[in-house]
Amino acid sequence: MGLPAIIGVFLIYGILRKELTLVLLLILANSLNLTLLELLTPIQMIVFSLVTMLYIPCFATIILIAKQTNWKYAVQISLLEIALALLIGGIINFGFVIFSSF
C-alpha cells in the first residue's frame, strides 16, 4: 500500500478506537521532531485514512455483532472488512503510482 511499516502498529491499536490511529501517528511525528506532512506524503495520508475508515470496526462493535449473531459471523465480518480495506488501499496506491508516472 506504499505506507511505512510502522503504520501497521497504529492500525492494530485502531481496533480499540479509530481516532487513536491518527493520535498515535501525530505523537510519533512529534517525537521525531517532524510534522505529519514530513512523515507521510499526501497520497500516503489518503491511503492511511481510507484504510482506517474501512478496516475492522472497533472492538465494541465486534462484540456487539457477536452478541447479536455469533462469534463466527463477527470474525468473518472483521476479516472481510480487513481484506476490503487493504484491497482498496492497495488499488488507490497502485493507481496513484501508475498515473503519476505519466
N, C-alpha and C. Protein backbone atom coordinates (compact mmCIF):
# COMPACT_ATOMS: atom_id res chain seq x y z
N MET A 1 0.80 -1.19 0.00
CA MET A 1 0.00 0.00 0.00
C MET A 1 0.85 1.26 0.00
N GLY A 2 2.15 1.10 0.05
CA GLY A 2 3.02 2.26 0.00
C GLY A 2 3.16 2.99 1.32
N LEU A 3 2.74 2.37 2.42
CA LEU A 3 2.83 3.01 3.73
C LEU A 3 4.06 2.51 4.47
N PRO A 4 4.62 3.34 5.37
CA PRO A 4 5.73 2.86 6.20
C PRO A 4 5.28 1.69 7.07
N ALA A 5 6.19 0.80 7.41
CA ALA A 5 5.85 -0.40 8.17
C ALA A 5 5.28 -0.09 9.55
N ILE A 6 5.70 1.00 10.16
CA ILE A 6 5.25 1.35 11.50
C ILE A 6 3.74 1.63 11.53
N ILE A 7 3.16 1.96 10.38
CA ILE A 7 1.73 2.26 10.31
C ILE A 7 0.90 1.04 10.72
N GLY A 8 1.41 -0.16 10.49
CA GLY A 8 0.70 -1.37 10.88
C GLY A 8 0.41 -1.42 12.37
N VAL A 9 1.33 -0.93 13.18
CA VAL A 9 1.13 -0.89 14.63
C VAL A 9 -0.05 0.02 14.97
N PHE A 10 -0.13 1.16 14.31
CA PHE A 10 -1.22 2.10 14.57
C PHE A 10 -2.56 1.52 14.15
N LEU A 11 -2.57 0.77 13.07
CA LEU A 11 -3.82 0.15 12.63
C LEU A 11 -4.28 -0.92 13.62
N ILE A 12 -3.36 -1.62 14.23
CA ILE A 12 -3.73 -2.60 15.25
C ILE A 12 -4.34 -1.91 16.46
N TYR A 13 -3.72 -0.82 16.91
CA TYR A 13 -4.29 -0.07 18.03
C TYR A 13 -5.63 0.56 17.66
N GLY A 14 -5.86 0.78 16.38
CA GLY A 14 -7.11 1.37 15.93
C GLY A 14 -8.31 0.48 16.16
N ILE A 15 -8.07 -0.80 16.45
CA ILE A 15 -9.18 -1.70 16.78
C ILE A 15 -9.85 -1.23 18.07
N LEU A 16 -9.07 -0.67 18.97
CA LEU A 16 -9.64 -0.17 20.22
C LEU A 16 -10.49 1.07 19.97
N ARG A 17 -9.93 2.03 19.24
CA ARG A 17 -10.64 3.25 18.89
C ARG A 17 -10.04 3.77 17.59
N LYS A 18 -10.89 4.08 16.64
CA LYS A 18 -10.42 4.52 15.32
C LYS A 18 -9.59 5.79 15.38
N GLU A 19 -10.03 6.77 16.19
CA GLU A 19 -9.31 8.04 16.25
C GLU A 19 -7.94 7.90 16.88
N LEU A 20 -7.71 6.78 17.56
CA LEU A 20 -6.42 6.52 18.19
C LEU A 20 -5.31 6.39 17.15
N THR A 21 -5.64 5.92 15.96
CA THR A 21 -4.61 5.77 14.92
C THR A 21 -3.97 7.10 14.57
N LEU A 22 -4.80 8.11 14.37
CA LEU A 22 -4.27 9.43 14.00
C LEU A 22 -3.53 10.08 15.16
N VAL A 23 -4.04 9.91 16.37
CA VAL A 23 -3.38 10.49 17.54
C VAL A 23 -1.99 9.88 17.71
N LEU A 24 -1.90 8.55 17.59
CA LEU A 24 -0.60 7.89 17.73
C LEU A 24 0.35 8.28 16.61
N LEU A 25 -0.17 8.46 15.41
CA LEU A 25 0.67 8.90 14.29
C LEU A 25 1.22 10.30 14.55
N LEU A 26 0.40 11.17 15.09
CA LEU A 26 0.84 12.52 15.42
C LEU A 26 1.88 12.51 16.54
N ILE A 27 1.69 11.64 17.53
CA ILE A 27 2.67 11.51 18.62
C ILE A 27 4.01 11.03 18.07
N LEU A 28 3.98 10.06 17.13
CA LEU A 28 5.22 9.58 16.52
C LEU A 28 5.92 10.71 15.77
N ALA A 29 5.17 11.46 14.99
CA ALA A 29 5.77 12.56 14.23
C ALA A 29 6.39 13.59 15.18
N ASN A 30 5.68 13.93 16.25
CA ASN A 30 6.23 14.89 17.21
C ASN A 30 7.47 14.36 17.91
N SER A 31 7.50 13.07 18.21
CA SER A 31 8.67 12.51 18.89
C SER A 31 9.90 12.48 17.97
N LEU A 32 9.66 12.46 16.68
CA LEU A 32 10.76 12.51 15.71
C LEU A 32 11.06 13.93 15.25
N ASN A 33 10.42 14.92 15.89
CA ASN A 33 10.55 16.34 15.52
C ASN A 33 10.19 16.57 14.05
N LEU A 34 9.11 15.92 13.62
CA LEU A 34 8.62 16.07 12.26
C LEU A 34 7.18 16.53 12.30
N THR A 35 6.74 17.10 11.20
CA THR A 35 5.31 17.35 11.05
C THR A 35 4.70 16.12 10.39
N LEU A 36 3.38 16.07 10.37
CA LEU A 36 2.71 14.93 9.75
C LEU A 36 2.99 14.88 8.25
N LEU A 37 3.15 16.07 7.62
CA LEU A 37 3.46 16.12 6.19
C LEU A 37 4.88 15.65 5.89
N GLU A 38 5.77 15.76 6.86
CA GLU A 38 7.13 15.27 6.66
C GLU A 38 7.21 13.76 6.89
N LEU A 39 6.29 13.23 7.67
CA LEU A 39 6.28 11.80 7.97
C LEU A 39 5.61 11.00 6.86
N LEU A 40 4.51 11.51 6.33
CA LEU A 40 3.77 10.83 5.27
C LEU A 40 3.54 11.77 4.10
N THR A 41 3.57 11.22 2.90
CA THR A 41 3.24 12.00 1.72
C THR A 41 1.72 12.16 1.66
N PRO A 42 1.23 13.10 0.87
CA PRO A 42 -0.23 13.27 0.77
C PRO A 42 -0.96 11.99 0.34
N ILE A 43 -0.41 11.25 -0.62
CA ILE A 43 -1.08 10.01 -1.04
C ILE A 43 -1.06 8.97 0.08
N GLN A 44 0.02 8.93 0.86
CA GLN A 44 0.07 8.01 2.00
C GLN A 44 -0.98 8.38 3.04
N MET A 45 -1.21 9.67 3.23
CA MET A 45 -2.25 10.10 4.18
C MET A 45 -3.63 9.69 3.69
N ILE A 46 -3.86 9.80 2.39
CA ILE A 46 -5.15 9.41 1.83
C ILE A 46 -5.35 7.91 1.99
N VAL A 47 -4.34 7.12 1.65
CA VAL A 47 -4.44 5.67 1.78
C VAL A 47 -4.63 5.28 3.24
N PHE A 48 -3.87 5.89 4.13
CA PHE A 48 -4.00 5.61 5.57
C PHE A 48 -5.40 5.94 6.07
N SER A 49 -5.93 7.07 5.66
CA SER A 49 -7.28 7.47 6.08
C SER A 49 -8.33 6.51 5.55
N LEU A 50 -8.22 6.13 4.28
CA LEU A 50 -9.18 5.19 3.70
C LEU A 50 -9.14 3.84 4.40
N VAL A 51 -7.94 3.33 4.61
CA VAL A 51 -7.82 2.02 5.26
C VAL A 51 -8.36 2.10 6.68
N THR A 52 -8.08 3.17 7.38
CA THR A 52 -8.58 3.33 8.75
C THR A 52 -10.09 3.37 8.78
N MET A 53 -10.70 4.05 7.82
CA MET A 53 -12.16 4.13 7.79
C MET A 53 -12.79 2.80 7.43
N LEU A 54 -12.15 2.02 6.56
CA LEU A 54 -12.79 0.83 6.02
C LEU A 54 -12.47 -0.47 6.77
N TYR A 55 -11.33 -0.53 7.44
CA TYR A 55 -10.96 -1.81 8.03
C TYR A 55 -11.77 -2.07 9.29
N ILE A 56 -11.46 -3.11 9.97
CA ILE A 56 -12.22 -3.67 11.09
C ILE A 56 -12.84 -2.61 11.99
N PRO A 57 -14.08 -2.81 12.38
CA PRO A 57 -14.71 -1.85 13.29
C PRO A 57 -14.06 -1.93 14.67
N CYS A 58 -14.41 -1.01 15.53
CA CYS A 58 -13.82 -1.03 16.85
C CYS A 58 -14.23 -2.29 17.61
N PHE A 59 -13.52 -2.60 18.65
CA PHE A 59 -13.72 -3.84 19.39
C PHE A 59 -15.13 -3.94 19.96
N ALA A 60 -15.68 -2.82 20.41
CA ALA A 60 -17.04 -2.83 20.96
C ALA A 60 -18.06 -3.24 19.89
N THR A 61 -17.85 -2.81 18.66
CA THR A 61 -18.76 -3.18 17.57
C THR A 61 -18.65 -4.67 17.27
N ILE A 62 -17.44 -5.20 17.30
CA ILE A 62 -17.24 -6.63 17.06
C ILE A 62 -17.98 -7.45 18.13
N ILE A 63 -17.86 -7.03 19.37
CA ILE A 63 -18.55 -7.73 20.46
C ILE A 63 -20.06 -7.65 20.28
N LEU A 64 -20.56 -6.50 19.88
CA LEU A 64 -21.99 -6.34 19.67
C LEU A 64 -22.49 -7.23 18.53
N ILE A 65 -21.72 -7.31 17.44
CA ILE A 65 -22.09 -8.19 16.33
C ILE A 65 -22.11 -9.64 16.81
N ALA A 66 -21.12 -10.02 17.61
CA ALA A 66 -21.06 -11.39 18.12
C ALA A 66 -22.24 -11.70 19.04
N LYS A 67 -22.65 -10.74 19.85
CA LYS A 67 -23.79 -10.96 20.75
C LYS A 67 -25.09 -11.07 19.96
N GLN A 68 -25.23 -10.28 18.91
CA GLN A 68 -26.46 -10.31 18.12
C GLN A 68 -26.54 -11.53 17.21
N THR A 69 -25.40 -12.01 16.76
CA THR A 69 -25.37 -13.19 15.88
C THR A 69 -24.59 -14.30 16.56
N ASN A 70 -23.32 -14.42 16.21
CA ASN A 70 -22.41 -15.35 16.88
C ASN A 70 -20.97 -14.92 16.57
N TRP A 71 -20.01 -15.53 17.27
CA TRP A 71 -18.61 -15.13 17.11
C TRP A 71 -18.08 -15.45 15.72
N LYS A 72 -18.52 -16.56 15.16
CA LYS A 72 -18.04 -16.94 13.84
C LYS A 72 -18.40 -15.86 12.81
N TYR A 73 -19.62 -15.38 12.86
CA TYR A 73 -20.06 -14.33 11.94
C TYR A 73 -19.30 -13.03 12.19
N ALA A 74 -19.06 -12.70 13.45
CA ALA A 74 -18.33 -11.47 13.78
C ALA A 74 -16.89 -11.53 13.24
N VAL A 75 -16.26 -12.68 13.36
CA VAL A 75 -14.90 -12.85 12.83
C VAL A 75 -14.90 -12.78 11.31
N GLN A 76 -15.89 -13.40 10.69
CA GLN A 76 -15.99 -13.34 9.22
C GLN A 76 -16.16 -11.91 8.73
N ILE A 77 -17.02 -11.16 9.38
CA ILE A 77 -17.23 -9.75 9.02
C ILE A 77 -15.92 -8.97 9.18
N SER A 78 -15.23 -9.19 10.29
CA SER A 78 -13.98 -8.47 10.55
C SER A 78 -12.93 -8.79 9.51
N LEU A 79 -12.77 -10.07 9.17
CA LEU A 79 -11.77 -10.45 8.17
C LEU A 79 -12.13 -9.91 6.79
N LEU A 80 -13.40 -9.91 6.47
CA LEU A 80 -13.83 -9.37 5.18
C LEU A 80 -13.55 -7.87 5.11
N GLU A 81 -13.80 -7.15 6.18
CA GLU A 81 -13.55 -5.71 6.18
C GLU A 81 -12.05 -5.40 6.11
N ILE A 82 -11.23 -6.21 6.77
CA ILE A 82 -9.78 -6.02 6.69
C ILE A 82 -9.31 -6.23 5.25
N ALA A 83 -9.76 -7.32 4.63
CA ALA A 83 -9.36 -7.61 3.25
C ALA A 83 -9.82 -6.51 2.30
N LEU A 84 -11.05 -6.05 2.48
CA LEU A 84 -11.57 -4.99 1.62
C LEU A 84 -10.79 -3.69 1.79
N ALA A 85 -10.47 -3.34 3.02
CA ALA A 85 -9.71 -2.10 3.27
C ALA A 85 -8.32 -2.18 2.66
N LEU A 86 -7.65 -3.31 2.83
CA LEU A 86 -6.31 -3.47 2.27
C LEU A 86 -6.35 -3.47 0.74
N LEU A 87 -7.37 -4.09 0.17
CA LEU A 87 -7.51 -4.11 -1.28
C LEU A 87 -7.73 -2.70 -1.82
N ILE A 88 -8.63 -1.97 -1.24
CA ILE A 88 -8.91 -0.61 -1.71
C ILE A 88 -7.70 0.29 -1.50
N GLY A 89 -7.02 0.17 -0.35
CA GLY A 89 -5.81 0.95 -0.12
C GLY A 89 -4.73 0.64 -1.15
N GLY A 90 -4.58 -0.64 -1.47
CA GLY A 90 -3.60 -1.04 -2.49
C GLY A 90 -3.96 -0.52 -3.86
N ILE A 91 -5.25 -0.57 -4.20
CA ILE A 91 -5.69 -0.07 -5.51
C ILE A 91 -5.46 1.44 -5.62
N ILE A 92 -5.78 2.17 -4.58
CA ILE A 92 -5.56 3.63 -4.59
C ILE A 92 -4.08 3.94 -4.76
N ASN A 93 -3.23 3.27 -4.00
CA ASN A 93 -1.79 3.50 -4.10
C ASN A 93 -1.27 3.10 -5.48
N PHE A 94 -1.70 1.96 -5.98
CA PHE A 94 -1.26 1.48 -7.30
C PHE A 94 -1.70 2.46 -8.39
N GLY A 95 -2.95 2.93 -8.30
CA GLY A 95 -3.45 3.89 -9.28
C GLY A 95 -2.66 5.18 -9.25
N PHE A 96 -2.31 5.64 -8.06
CA PHE A 96 -1.52 6.86 -7.96
C PHE A 96 -0.14 6.66 -8.58
N VAL A 97 0.50 5.53 -8.30
CA VAL A 97 1.83 5.25 -8.84
C VAL A 97 1.78 5.19 -10.37
N ILE A 98 0.76 4.51 -10.90
CA ILE A 98 0.64 4.36 -12.35
C ILE A 98 0.37 5.72 -13.02
N PHE A 99 -0.60 6.47 -12.50
CA PHE A 99 -0.99 7.73 -13.15
C PHE A 99 -0.02 8.87 -12.88
N SER A 100 0.78 8.78 -11.82
CA SER A 100 1.75 9.86 -11.57
C SER A 100 2.97 9.72 -12.47
N SER A 101 3.15 8.57 -13.08
CA SER A 101 4.31 8.39 -13.96
C SER A 101 4.08 8.97 -15.34
N PHE A 102 2.84 9.35 -15.66
CA PHE A 102 2.54 9.92 -16.99
C PHE A 102 2.85 11.37 -17.02
